[in-house]
Amino acid sequence: MFKILVYGFIIYIVYRFIFDFAIPVSKASTQVREKLQEMQRQQQEAARQQQAQGQQRASSSKPSVGEDYIEFEEVK
């Protein structure tokens, strides 16, 4: 009779550990991992957009040959 109570108590403790600690911790770690991956994807996308804008500016900001010289009048 005492063995049954001890085994029952051990099973109860293991059950509580699994469902009150192990499963919630694994779910939380999965959620954190997913959030980190999403943030990393957003950072990579922002870097790509910024790089594309920088390339567009570099190609459009080259002055033409005619714009290099500015005429001016000398004031006396």
PDB file of N, CA and C in Angstrom:
ATOM      1  N   MET A   1       0.825  -1.194   0.000  1.00  0.00           N
ATOM      2  CA  MET A   1       0.000   0.000   0.000  1.00  0.00           C
ATOM      3  C   MET A   1       0.876   1.267   0.000  1.00  0.00           C
ATOM      4  N   PHE A   2       1.925   1.232   0.806  1.00  0.00           N
ATOM      5  CA  PHE A   2       2.815   2.395   0.880  1.00  0.00           C
ATOM      6  C   PHE A   2       3.532   2.619  -0.447  1.00  0.00           C
ATOM      7  N   LYS A   3       3.914   1.511  -1.133  1.00  0.00           N
ATOM      8  CA  LYS A   3       4.590   1.619  -2.427  1.00  0.00           C
ATOM      9  C   LYS A   3       3.680   2.295  -3.452  1.00  0.00           C
ATOM     10  N   ILE A   4       2.413   1.977  -3.427  1.00  0.00           N
ATOM     11  CA  ILE A   4       1.470   2.568  -4.381  1.00  0.00           C
ATOM     12  C   ILE A   4       1.376   4.074  -4.154  1.00  0.00           C
ATOM     13  N   LEU A   5       1.334   4.490  -2.899  1.00  0.00           N
ATOM     14  CA  LEU A   5       1.282   5.920  -2.589  1.00  0.00           C
ATOM     15  C   LEU A   5       2.558   6.629  -3.036  1.00  0.00           C
ATOM     16  N   VAL A   6       3.710   6.015  -2.819  1.00  0.00           N
ATOM     17  CA  VAL A   6       4.985   6.606  -3.222  1.00  0.00           C
ATOM     18  C   VAL A   6       5.053   6.706  -4.741  1.00  0.00           C
ATOM     19  N   TYR A   7       4.692   5.629  -5.447  1.00  0.00           N
ATOM     20  CA  TYR A   7       4.704   5.663  -6.909  1.00  0.00           C
ATOM     21  C   TYR A   7       3.710   6.697  -7.441  1.00  0.00           C
ATOM     22  N   GLY A   8       2.562   6.761  -6.843  1.00  0.00           N
ATOM     23  CA  GLY A   8       1.560   7.751  -7.251  1.00  0.00           C
ATOM     24  C   GLY A   8       2.077   9.169  -7.047  1.00  0.00           C
ATOM     25  N   PHE A   9       2.734   9.408  -5.915  1.00  0.00           N
ATOM     26  CA  PHE A   9       3.287  10.735  -5.641  1.00  0.00           C
ATOM     27  C   PHE A   9       4.390  11.079  -6.637  1.00  0.00           C
ATOM     28  N   ILE A  10       5.244  10.113  -6.954  1.00  0.00           N
ATOM     29  CA  ILE A  10       6.325  10.339  -7.924  1.00  0.00           C
ATOM     30  C   ILE A  10       5.739  10.638  -9.300  1.00  0.00           C
ATOM     31  N   ILE A  11       4.734   9.879  -9.700  1.00  0.00           N
ATOM     32  CA  ILE A  11       4.093  10.122 -10.994  1.00  0.00           C
ATOM     33  C   ILE A  11       3.459  11.509 -11.013  1.00  0.00           C
ATOM     34  N   TYR A  12       2.834  11.892  -9.910  1.00  0.00           N
ATOM     35  CA  TYR A  12       2.222  13.220  -9.816  1.00  0.00           C
ATOM     36  C   TYR A  12       3.285  14.323  -9.946  1.00  0.00           C
ATOM     37  N   ILE A  13       4.413  14.173  -9.280  1.00  0.00           N
ATOM     38  CA  ILE A  13       5.494  15.166  -9.338  1.00  0.00           C
ATOM     39  C   ILE A  13       6.042  15.256 -10.761  1.00  0.00           C
ATOM     40  N   VAL A  14       6.265  14.122 -11.412  1.00  0.00           N
ATOM     41  CA  VAL A  14       6.767  14.119 -12.788  1.00  0.00           C
ATOM     42  C   VAL A  14       5.753  14.783 -13.712  1.00  0.00           C
ATOM     43  N   TYR A  15       4.482  14.454 -13.543  1.00  0.00           N
ATOM     44  CA  TYR A  15       3.413  15.055 -14.351  1.00  0.00           C
ATOM     45  C   TYR A  15       3.402  16.572 -14.191  1.00  0.00           C
ATOM     46  N   ARG A  16       3.462  17.047 -12.949  1.00  0.00           N
ATOM     47  CA  ARG A  16       3.458  18.494 -12.688  1.00  0.00           C
ATOM     48  C   ARG A  16       4.688  19.160 -13.294  1.00  0.00           C
ATOM     49  N   PHE A  17       5.841  18.521 -13.185  1.00  0.00           N
ATOM     50  CA  PHE A  17       7.064  19.086 -13.753  1.00  0.00           C
ATOM     51  C   PHE A  17       6.937  19.227 -15.264  1.00  0.00           C
ATOM     52  N   ILE A  18       6.443  18.184 -15.911  1.00  0.00           N
ATOM     53  CA  ILE A  18       6.344  18.215 -17.373  1.00  0.00           C
ATOM     54  C   ILE A  18       5.353  19.275 -17.826  1.00  0.00           C
ATOM     55  N   PHE A  19       4.163  19.295 -17.273  1.00  0.00           N
ATOM     56  CA  PHE A  19       3.118  20.178 -17.779  1.00  0.00           C
ATOM     57  C   PHE A  19       3.157  21.590 -17.201  1.00  0.00           C
ATOM     58  N   ASP A  20       3.807  21.789 -16.067  1.00  0.00           N
ATOM     59  CA  ASP A  20       3.888  23.137 -15.500  1.00  0.00           C
ATOM     60  C   ASP A  20       5.217  23.829 -15.777  1.00  0.00           C
ATOM     61  N   PHE A  21       6.234  23.075 -16.168  1.00  0.00           N
ATOM     62  CA  PHE A  21       7.535  23.694 -16.388  1.00  0.00           C
ATOM     63  C   PHE A  21       8.103  23.402 -17.774  1.00  0.00           C
ATOM     64  N   ALA A  22       8.242  22.149 -18.126  1.00  0.00           N
ATOM     65  CA  ALA A  22       8.946  21.777 -19.355  1.00  0.00           C
ATOM     66  C   ALA A  22       8.216  22.248 -20.606  1.00  0.00           C
ATOM     67  N   ILE A  23       6.938  22.012 -20.702  1.00  0.00           N
ATOM     68  CA  ILE A  23       6.193  22.405 -21.904  1.00  0.00           C
ATOM     69  C   ILE A  23       6.111  23.927 -22.040  1.00  0.00           C
ATOM     70  N   PRO A  24       5.773  24.681 -20.990  1.00  0.00           N
ATOM     71  CA  PRO A  24       5.761  26.146 -21.154  1.00  0.00           C
ATOM     72  C   PRO A  24       7.128  26.728 -21.506  1.00  0.00           C
ATOM     73  N   VAL A  25       8.194  26.174 -20.961  1.00  0.00           N
ATOM     74  CA  VAL A  25       9.531  26.671 -21.281  1.00  0.00           C
ATOM     75  C   VAL A  25       9.853  26.407 -22.745  1.00  0.00           C
ATOM     76  N   SER A  26       9.509  25.236 -23.245  1.00  0.00           N
ATOM     77  CA  SER A  26       9.787  24.938 -24.652  1.00  0.00           C
ATOM     78  C   SER A  26       8.953  25.824 -25.571  1.00  0.00           C
ATOM     79  N   LYS A  27       7.709  26.105 -25.211  1.00  0.00           N
ATOM     80  CA  LYS A  27       6.873  27.003 -26.021  1.00  0.00           C
ATOM     81  C   LYS A  27       7.446  28.417 -26.018  1.00  0.00           C
ATOM     82  N   ALA A  28       7.871  28.882 -24.862  1.00  0.00           N
ATOM     83  CA  ALA A  28       8.431  30.234 -24.770  1.00  0.00           C
ATOM     84  C   ALA A  28       9.724  30.345 -25.569  1.00  0.00           C
ATOM     85  N   SER A  29      10.567  29.337 -25.499  1.00  0.00           N
ATOM     86  CA  SER A  29      11.822  29.401 -26.260  1.00  0.00           C
ATOM     87  C   SER A  29      11.548  29.371 -27.760  1.00  0.00           C
ATOM     88  N   THR A  30      10.536  28.643 -28.184  1.00  0.00           N
ATOM     89  CA  THR A  30      10.164  28.626 -29.603  1.00  0.00           C
ATOM     90  C   THR A  30       9.670  29.999 -30.040  1.00  0.00           C
ATOM     91  N   GLN A  31       8.847  30.633 -29.215  1.00  0.00           N
ATOM     92  CA  GLN A  31       8.336  31.967 -29.545  1.00  0.00           C
ATOM     93  C   GLN A  31       9.466  32.986 -29.616  1.00  0.00           C
ATOM     94  N   VAL A  32      10.395  32.929 -28.686  1.00  0.00           N
ATOM     95  CA  VAL A  32      11.523  33.859 -28.687  1.00  0.00           C
ATOM     96  C   VAL A  32      12.373  33.651 -29.935  1.00  0.00           C
ATOM     97  N   ARG A  33      12.620  32.411 -30.302  1.00  0.00           N
ATOM     98  CA  ARG A  33      13.403  32.111 -31.496  1.00  0.00           C
ATOM     99  C   ARG A  33      12.712  32.663 -32.747  1.00  0.00           C
ATOM    100  N   GLU A  34      11.389  32.503 -32.838  1.00  0.00           N
ATOM    101  CA  GLU A  34      10.648  33.021 -33.991  1.00  0.00           C
ATOM    102  C   GLU A  34      10.711  34.546 -34.048  1.00  0.00           C
ATOM    103  N   LYS A  35      10.583  35.195 -32.899  1.00  0.00           N
ATOM    104  CA  LYS A  35      10.656  36.664 -32.859  1.00  0.00           C
ATOM    105  C   LYS A  35      12.036  37.146 -33.300  1.00  0.00           C
ATOM    106  N   LEU A  36      13.085  36.480 -32.844  1.00  0.00           N
ATOM    107  CA  LEU A  36      14.439  36.869 -33.234  1.00  0.00           C
ATOM    108  C   LEU A  36      14.652  36.696 -34.734  1.00  0.00           C
ATOM    109  N   GLN A  37      14.140  35.614 -35.291  1.00  0.00           N
ATOM    110  CA  GLN A  37      14.270  35.403 -36.733  1.00  0.00           C
ATOM    111  C   GLN A  37      13.512  36.472 -37.509  1.00  0.00           C
ATOM    112  N   GLU A  38      12.330  36.850 -37.024  1.00  0.00           N
ATOM    113  CA  GLU A  38      11.550  37.897 -37.696  1.00  0.00           C
ATOM    114  C   GLU A  38      12.283  39.238 -37.640  1.00  0.00           C
ATOM    115  N   MET A  39      12.866  39.562 -36.498  1.00  0.00           N
ATOM    116  CA  MET A  39      13.619  40.808 -36.380  1.00  0.00           C
ATOM    117  C   MET A  39      14.829  40.792 -37.305  1.00  0.00           C
ATOM    118  N   GLN A  40      15.487  39.655 -37.416  1.00  0.00           N
ATOM    119  CA  GLN A  40      16.646  39.540 -38.298  1.00  0.00           C
ATOM    120  C   GLN A  40      16.230  39.724 -39.757  1.00  0.00           C
ATOM    121  N   ARG A  41      15.096  39.153 -40.146  1.00  0.00           N
ATOM    122  CA  ARG A  41      14.600  39.341 -41.513  1.00  0.00           C
ATOM    123  C   ARG A  41      14.288  40.807 -41.786  1.00  0.00           C
ATOM    124  N   GLN A  42      13.686  41.490 -40.811  1.00  0.00           N
ATOM    125  CA  GLN A  42      13.376  42.908 -40.983  1.00  0.00           C
ATOM    126  C   GLN A  42      14.650  43.729 -41.132  1.00  0.00           C
ATOM    127  N   GLN A  43      15.667  43.423 -40.343  1.00  0.00           N
ATOM    128  CA  GLN A  43      16.935  44.140 -40.441  1.00  0.00           C
ATOM    129  C   GLN A  43      17.583  43.915 -41.805  1.00  0.00           C
ATOM    130  N   GLN A  44      17.543  42.693 -42.292  1.00  0.00           N
ATOM    131  CA  GLN A  44      18.129  42.402 -43.599  1.00  0.00           C
ATOM    132  C   GLN A  44      17.374  43.129 -44.703  1.00  0.00           C
ATOM    133  N   GLU A  45      16.053  43.171 -44.607  1.00  0.00           N
ATOM    134  CA  GLU A  45      15.256  43.870 -45.617  1.00  0.00           C
ATOM    135  C   GLU A  45      15.549  45.368 -45.588  1.00  0.00           C
ATOM    136  N   ALA A  46      15.670  45.937 -44.397  1.00  0.00           N
ATOM    137  CA  ALA A  46      15.991  47.362 -44.288  1.00  0.00           C
ATOM    138  C   ALA A  46      17.373  47.645 -44.876  1.00  0.00           C
ATOM    139  N   ALA A  47      18.324  46.761 -44.638  1.00  0.00           N
ATOM    140  CA  ALA A  47      19.670  46.949 -45.188  1.00  0.00           C
ATOM    141  C   ALA A  47      19.644  46.864 -46.710  1.00  0.00           C
ATOM    142  N   ARG A  48      18.861  45.941 -47.252  1.00  0.00           N
ATOM    143  CA  ARG A  48      18.750  45.836 -48.715  1.00  0.00           C
ATOM    144  C   ARG A  48      18.146  47.105 -49.310  1.00  0.00           C
ATOM    145  N   GLN A  49      17.090  47.618 -48.683  1.00  0.00           N
ATOM    146  CA  GLN A  49      16.450  48.829 -49.187  1.00  0.00           C
ATOM    147  C   GLN A  49      17.404  50.014 -49.112  1.00  0.00           C
ATOM    148  N   GLN A  50      18.123  50.120 -48.018  1.00  0.00           N
ATOM    149  CA  GLN A  50      19.061  51.222 -47.855  1.00  0.00           C
ATOM    150  C   GLN A  50      20.186  51.114 -48.885  1.00  0.00           C
ATOM    151  N   GLN A  51      20.644  49.922 -49.134  1.00  0.00           N
ATOM    152  CA  GLN A  51      21.707  49.722 -50.117  1.00  0.00           C
ATOM    153  C   GLN A  51      21.199  50.058 -51.522  1.00  0.00           C
ATOM    154  N   ALA A  52      19.976  49.678 -51.829  1.00  0.00           N
ATOM    155  CA  ALA A  52      19.406  49.981 -53.145  1.00  0.00           C
ATOM    156  C   ALA A  52      19.237  51.488 -53.323  1.00  0.00           C
ATOM    157  N   GLN A  53      18.808  52.179 -52.277  1.00  0.00           N
ATOM    158  CA  GLN A  53      18.663  53.633 -52.353  1.00  0.00           C
ATOM    159  C   GLN A  53      20.019  54.294 -52.528  1.00  0.00           C
ATOM    160  N   GLY A  54      21.031  53.793 -51.853  1.00  0.00           N
ATOM    161  CA  GLY A  54      22.379  54.343 -51.983  1.00  0.00           C
ATOM    162  C   GLY A  54      22.921  54.168 -53.388  1.00  0.00           C
ATOM    163  N   GLN A  55      22.639  53.046 -54.009  1.00  0.00           N
ATOM    164  CA  GLN A  55      23.093  52.815 -55.376  1.00  0.00           C
ATOM    165  C   GLN A  55      22.359  53.736 -56.346  1.00  0.00           C
ATOM    166  N   GLN A  56      21.071  53.959 -56.110  1.00  0.00           N
ATOM    167  CA  GLN A  56      20.312  54.857 -56.978  1.00  0.00           C
ATOM    168  C   GLN A  56      20.835  56.282 -56.855  1.00  0.00           C
ATOM    169  N   ARG A  57      21.123  56.704 -55.651  1.00  0.00           N
ATOM    170  CA  ARG A  57      21.641  58.061 -55.444  1.00  0.00           C
ATOM    171  C   ARG A  57      23.015  58.218 -56.088  1.00  0.00           C
ATOM    172  N   ALA A  58      23.846  57.200 -55.964  1.00  0.00           N
ATOM    173  CA  ALA A  58      25.194  57.275 -56.524  1.00  0.00           C
ATOM    174  C   ALA A  58      25.141  57.379 -58.042  1.00  0.00           C
ATOM    175  N   SER A  59      24.241  56.660 -58.660  1.00  0.00           N
ATOM    176  CA  SER A  59      24.163  56.703 -60.118  1.00  0.00           C
ATOM    177  C   SER A  59      23.506  57.991 -60.603  1.00  0.00           C
ATOM    178  N   SER A  60      22.570  58.550 -59.833  1.00  0.00           N
ATOM    179  CA  SER A  60      21.887  59.764 -60.282  1.00  0.00           C
ATOM    180  C   SER A  60      22.616  61.036 -59.853  1.00  0.00           C
ATOM    181  N   SER A  61      23.537  60.958 -58.919  1.00  0.00           N
ATOM    182  CA  SER A  61      24.200  62.161 -58.429  1.00  0.00           C
ATOM    183  C   SER A  61      25.461  62.506 -59.211  1.00  0.00           C
ATOM    184  N   LYS A  62      25.829  61.729 -60.214  1.00  0.00           N
ATOM    185  CA  LYS A  62      27.002  62.053 -61.014  1.00  0.00           C
ATOM    186  C   LYS A  62      26.668  63.266 -61.885  1.00  0.00           C
ATOM    187  N   PRO A  63      27.397  64.351 -61.738  1.00  0.00           N
ATOM    188  CA  PRO A  63      27.097  65.538 -62.546  1.00  0.00           C
ATOM    189  C   PRO A  63      27.531  65.323 -63.990  1.00  0.00           C
ATOM    190  N   SER A  64      26.803  65.934 -64.878  1.00  0.00           N
ATOM    191  CA  SER A  64      27.193  65.827 -66.279  1.00  0.00           C
ATOM    192  C   SER A  64      28.355  66.778 -66.540  1.00  0.00           C
ATOM    193  N   VAL A  65      28.994  66.619 -67.675  1.00  0.00           N
ATOM    194  CA  VAL A  65      30.182  67.398 -68.001  1.00  0.00           C
ATOM    195  C   VAL A  65      29.841  68.881 -68.065  1.00  0.00           C
ATOM    196  N   GLY A  66      28.682  69.229 -68.568  1.00  0.00           N
ATOM    197  CA  GLY A  66      28.286  70.627 -68.692  1.00  0.00           C
ATOM    198  C   GLY A  66      28.021  71.295 -67.352  1.00  0.00           C
ATOM    199  N   GLU A  67      27.745  70.543 -66.330  1.00  0.00           N
ATOM    200  CA  GLU A  67      27.439  71.115 -65.023  1.00  0.00           C
ATOM    201  C   GLU A  67      28.684  71.374 -64.190  1.00  0.00           C
ATOM    202  N   ASP A  68      29.844  70.981 -64.655  1.00  0.00           N
ATOM    203  CA  ASP A  68      31.066  71.179 -63.887  1.00  0.00           C
ATOM    204  C   ASP A  68      31.487  72.650 -63.846  1.00  0.00           C
ATOM    205  N   TYR A  69      31.215  73.391 -64.898  1.00  0.00           N
ATOM    206  CA  TYR A  69      31.669  74.772 -64.995  1.00  0.00           C
ATOM    207  C   TYR A  69      30.488  75.707 -64.757  1.00  0.00           C
ATOM    208  N   ILE A  70      30.658  76.653 -63.849  1.00  0.00           N
ATOM    209  CA  ILE A  70      29.616  77.636 -63.564  1.00  0.00           C
ATOM    210  C   ILE A  70      30.147  79.003 -63.981  1.00  0.00           C
ATOM    211  N   GLU A  71      29.417  79.679 -64.869  1.00  0.00           N
ATOM    212  CA  GLU A  71      29.816  81.025 -65.283  1.00  0.00           C
ATOM    213  C   GLU A  71      29.443  82.015 -64.192  1.00  0.00           C
ATOM    214  N   PHE A  72      30.270  83.024 -64.051  1.00  0.00           N
ATOM    215  CA  PHE A  72      29.948  84.082 -63.104  1.00  0.00           C
ATOM    216  C   PHE A  72      30.452  85.404 -63.666  1.00  0.00           C
ATOM    217  N   GLU A  73      29.876  86.465 -63.158  1.00  0.00           N
ATOM    218  CA  GLU A  73      30.317  87.804 -63.565  1.00  0.00           C
ATOM    219  C   GLU A  73      31.098  88.404 -62.419  1.00  0.00           C
ATOM    220  N   GLU A  74      32.167  89.061 -62.753  1.00  0.00           N
ATOM    221  CA  GLU A  74      32.996  89.677 -61.741  1.00  0.00           C
ATOM    222  C   GLU A  74      32.390  91.025 -61.371  1.00  0.00           C
ATOM    223  N   VAL A  75      32.229  91.273 -60.101  1.00  0.00           N
ATOM    224  CA  VAL A  75      31.665  92.530 -59.620  1.00  0.00           C
ATOM    225  C   VAL A  75      32.814  93.465 -59.291  1.00  0.00           C
ATOM    226  N   LYS A  76      32.743  94.731 -59.825  1.00  0.00           N
ATOM    227  CA  LYS A  76      33.819  95.696 -59.584  1.00  0.00           C
ATOM    228  C   LYS A  76      33.423  96.734 -58.580  1.00  0.00           C
TER     229      LYS A  76
END
